Amino acid sequence: MTLDTLAGGTDARITGVDWKLLAGDEAKRLRALGVDEGAQIAILHRGIFGTRDPLAIRIGQMTIALRRSHAQAITVETI
């Protein structure tokens, strides 16, 4: 499943990232924030607008905002 379909509050592990779906600078920023295979992640909150953007996610001990289009490039499995 992709990160954008993960239920809120569910702990998951990143199993893959389709870097080709992301612009080069966006991919670089996400890698710098620790978004990569093996990282533990959870959705804390979804935006209230029509696209449900942005997503507030916990990765490690950090909370970051992530666009839903970026979350669609991240494959996860629940843990």
C-alpha atoms as a PDB file:
ATOM      1  CA  MET A   1       0.000   0.000   0.000  1.00  0.00           C
ATOM      2  CA  THR A   2       1.113   3.576  -0.463  1.00  0.00           C
ATOM      3  CA  LEU A   3       1.519   6.050   2.373  1.00  0.00           C
ATOM      4  CA  ASP A   4      -1.447   8.165   1.260  1.00  0.00           C
ATOM      5  CA  THR A   5      -3.801   5.192   1.883  1.00  0.00           C
ATOM      6  CA  LEU A   6      -2.431   4.356   5.342  1.00  0.00           C
ATOM      7  CA  ALA A   7      -4.954   4.846   8.152  1.00  0.00           C
ATOM      8  CA  GLY A   8      -4.157   7.667  10.532  1.00  0.00           C
ATOM      9  CA  GLY A   9      -2.205   6.633  13.636  1.00  0.00           C
ATOM     10  CA  THR A  10      -1.133   3.282  12.154  1.00  0.00           C
ATOM     11  CA  ASP A  11       2.574   2.535  12.492  1.00  0.00           C
ATOM     12  CA  ALA A  12       4.247   1.443   9.280  1.00  0.00           C
ATOM     13  CA  ARG A  13       7.657   0.854   7.720  1.00  0.00           C
ATOM     14  CA  ILE A  14       8.710   2.242   4.362  1.00  0.00           C
ATOM     15  CA  THR A  15       9.358  -0.634   1.959  1.00  0.00           C
ATOM     16  CA  GLY A  16      10.146   1.451  -1.105  1.00  0.00           C
ATOM     17  CA  VAL A  17      10.129   4.895  -2.661  1.00  0.00           C
ATOM     18  CA  ASP A  18       9.546   5.471  -6.371  1.00  0.00           C
ATOM     19  CA  TRP A  19      12.055   8.314  -6.711  1.00  0.00           C
ATOM     20  CA  LYS A  20      11.200   8.726 -10.420  1.00  0.00           C
ATOM     21  CA  LEU A  21       7.797  10.151  -9.443  1.00  0.00           C
ATOM     22  CA  LEU A  22       9.453  12.996  -7.534  1.00  0.00           C
ATOM     23  CA  ALA A  23      11.353  16.005  -8.824  1.00  0.00           C
ATOM     24  CA  GLY A  24      15.088  15.869  -8.083  1.00  0.00           C
ATOM     25  CA  ASP A  25      15.078  18.603  -5.437  1.00  0.00           C
ATOM     26  CA  GLU A  26      12.011  17.101  -3.740  1.00  0.00           C
ATOM     27  CA  ALA A  27      13.606  13.652  -3.621  1.00  0.00           C
ATOM     28  CA  LYS A  28      16.790  15.128  -2.169  1.00  0.00           C
ATOM     29  CA  ARG A  29      14.833  16.950   0.569  1.00  0.00           C
ATOM     30  CA  LEU A  30      12.866  13.831   1.498  1.00  0.00           C
ATOM     31  CA  ARG A  31      16.027  11.736   1.710  1.00  0.00           C
ATOM     32  CA  ALA A  32      17.611  14.382   3.944  1.00  0.00           C
ATOM     33  CA  LEU A  33      14.588  14.107   6.242  1.00  0.00           C
ATOM     34  CA  GLY A  34      15.037  10.327   6.497  1.00  0.00           C
ATOM     35  CA  VAL A  35      12.341   9.200   4.072  1.00  0.00           C
ATOM     36  CA  ASP A  36      13.859   5.978   2.775  1.00  0.00           C
ATOM     37  CA  GLU A  37      13.429   2.210   2.971  1.00  0.00           C
ATOM     38  CA  GLY A  38      13.282   0.834   6.505  1.00  0.00           C
ATOM     39  CA  ALA A  39      12.194   4.072   8.207  1.00  0.00           C
ATOM     40  CA  GLN A  40       9.249   3.856  10.612  1.00  0.00           C
ATOM     41  CA  ILE A  41       6.440   6.228   9.772  1.00  0.00           C
ATOM     42  CA  ALA A  42       2.852   7.111  10.733  1.00  0.00           C
ATOM     43  CA  ILE A  43       0.234   9.620   9.548  1.00  0.00           C
ATOM     44  CA  LEU A  44      -0.686  11.953  12.387  1.00  0.00           C
ATOM     45  CA  HIS A  45      -3.117  14.262  10.585  1.00  0.00           C
ATOM     46  CA  ARG A  46      -4.617  14.902   7.158  1.00  0.00           C
ATOM     47  CA  GLY A  47      -5.441  18.336   5.774  1.00  0.00           C
ATOM     48  CA  ILE A  48      -9.040  19.477   5.648  1.00  0.00           C
ATOM     49  CA  PHE A  49      -9.195  20.743   2.076  1.00  0.00           C
ATOM     50  CA  GLY A  50     -10.503  18.759  -0.923  1.00  0.00           C
ATOM     51  CA  THR A  51      -7.192  17.056  -1.677  1.00  0.00           C
ATOM     52  CA  ARG A  52      -6.593  16.286   2.032  1.00  0.00           C
ATOM     53  CA  ASP A  53      -3.210  18.046   1.765  1.00  0.00           C
ATOM     54  CA  PRO A  54      -0.875  18.272   3.504  1.00  0.00           C
ATOM     55  CA  LEU A  55      -0.292  15.127   5.533  1.00  0.00           C
ATOM     56  CA  ALA A  56       1.437  15.487   8.888  1.00  0.00           C
ATOM     57  CA  ILE A  57       3.620  12.419   9.298  1.00  0.00           C
ATOM     58  CA  ARG A  58       5.873  11.162  12.033  1.00  0.00           C
ATOM     59  CA  ILE A  59       9.159   9.736  10.860  1.00  0.00           C
ATOM     60  CA  GLY A  60      11.397   8.619  13.668  1.00  0.00           C
ATOM     61  CA  GLN A  61      10.964  11.325  16.314  1.00  0.00           C
ATOM     62  CA  MET A  62      10.289  14.123  13.839  1.00  0.00           C
ATOM     63  CA  THR A  63       6.992  15.456  12.455  1.00  0.00           C
ATOM     64  CA  ILE A  64       6.977  16.752   8.871  1.00  0.00           C
ATOM     65  CA  ALA A  65       4.366  17.951   6.381  1.00  0.00           C
ATOM     66  CA  LEU A  66       4.154  15.965   3.177  1.00  0.00           C
ATOM     67  CA  ARG A  67       2.121  16.478   0.020  1.00  0.00           C
ATOM     68  CA  ARG A  68      -0.268  13.689  -0.840  1.00  0.00           C
ATOM     69  CA  SER A  69       1.355  13.393  -4.280  1.00  0.00           C
ATOM     70  CA  HIS A  70       4.654  12.620  -2.541  1.00  0.00           C
ATOM     71  CA  ALA A  71       2.971  10.111  -0.218  1.00  0.00           C
ATOM     72  CA  GLN A  72       1.705   8.259  -3.297  1.00  0.00           C
ATOM     73  CA  ALA A  73       5.330   7.525  -4.259  1.00  0.00           C
ATOM     74  CA  ILE A  74       6.064   5.878  -0.872  1.00  0.00           C
ATOM     75  CA  THR A  75       5.201   2.198  -0.368  1.00  0.00           C
ATOM     76  CA  VAL A  76       4.666   1.047   3.224  1.00  0.00           C
ATOM     77  CA  GLU A  77       3.731  -2.036   5.242  1.00  0.00           C
ATOM     78  CA  THR A  78       2.051  -1.927   8.634  1.00  0.00           C
ATOM     79  CA  ILE A  79       4.020  -3.032  11.684  1.00  0.00           C
END
